[in-house]
Amino acid sequence: MPQLDTVHIDAPFGGGFLDSAANLDRYRTLLDLAAQAALSPEESRSFIQHVVRDLRD
């Protein structure tokens, strides 16, 4: 992922920008954790197919 120098955050009560080095480091850490927890494309398809089958039953 390219280095981020500014991040725009949207929230229910407004938005804001992160541009300090400390905040950007925390944001990169969150992105890395999300990427590690994410399913692979094949696992995602299988999971969605499983949910669809369960909803049809």
Protein backbone atom coordinates (compact mmCIF):
# COMPACT_ATOMS: atom_id res chain seq x y z
CA MET A 1 0.00 0.00 0.00
CA PRO A 2 1.37 3.44 -0.80
CA GLN A 3 2.32 5.66 2.09
CA LEU A 4 -0.59 7.78 3.24
CA ASP A 5 -0.06 11.45 4.03
CA THR A 6 -3.71 12.33 4.70
CA VAL A 7 -6.75 10.20 5.49
CA HIS A 8 -10.35 11.40 5.41
CA ILE A 9 -12.57 9.79 8.04
CA ASP A 10 -16.37 9.77 7.75
CA ALA A 11 -18.49 9.24 10.85
CA PRO A 12 -22.21 9.54 11.64
CA PHE A 13 -21.69 12.95 13.25
CA GLY A 14 -19.20 14.45 10.83
CA GLY A 15 -15.86 13.75 9.31
CA GLY A 16 -12.30 14.82 9.61
CA PHE A 17 -8.79 14.41 8.34
CA LEU A 18 -5.86 12.56 9.85
CA ASP A 19 -2.53 14.01 8.87
CA SER A 20 -0.20 13.73 11.86
CA ALA A 21 2.43 11.01 11.76
CA ALA A 22 1.09 9.40 14.96
CA ASN A 23 -2.50 9.24 13.68
CA LEU A 24 -1.40 7.92 10.30
CA ASP A 25 0.67 5.21 11.98
CA ARG A 26 -2.38 4.13 14.01
CA TYR A 27 -4.52 4.16 10.86
CA ARG A 28 -1.96 2.01 8.98
CA THR A 29 -1.98 -0.43 11.90
CA LEU A 30 -5.77 -0.69 11.73
CA LEU A 31 -5.62 -1.30 7.97
CA ASP A 32 -2.99 -4.00 8.48
CA LEU A 33 -5.10 -5.70 11.17
CA ALA A 34 -8.18 -5.61 8.93
CA ALA A 35 -6.21 -7.10 6.04
CA GLN A 36 -4.93 -9.91 8.29
CA ALA A 37 -8.45 -10.70 9.52
CA ALA A 38 -10.06 -10.60 6.08
CA LEU A 39 -11.08 -13.75 4.27
CA SER A 40 -9.46 -14.62 0.97
CA PRO A 41 -11.60 -14.11 -2.15
CA GLU A 42 -12.33 -17.86 -2.26
CA GLU A 43 -13.22 -17.95 1.45
CA SER A 44 -15.47 -14.90 0.99
CA ARG A 45 -17.36 -16.57 -1.87
CA SER A 46 -17.78 -19.75 0.14
CA PHE A 47 -18.98 -17.82 3.20
CA ILE A 48 -21.51 -15.81 1.17
CA GLN A 49 -22.79 -18.95 -0.54
CA HIS A 50 -23.20 -20.59 2.87
CA VAL A 51 -25.16 -17.59 4.22
CA VAL A 52 -27.41 -17.55 1.13
CA ARG A 53 -28.14 -21.28 1.53
CA ASP A 54 -28.97 -20.76 5.21
CA LEU A 55 -31.31 -17.88 4.41
CA ARG A 56 -33.15 -19.95 1.78
CA ASP A 57 -33.77 -22.82 4.21
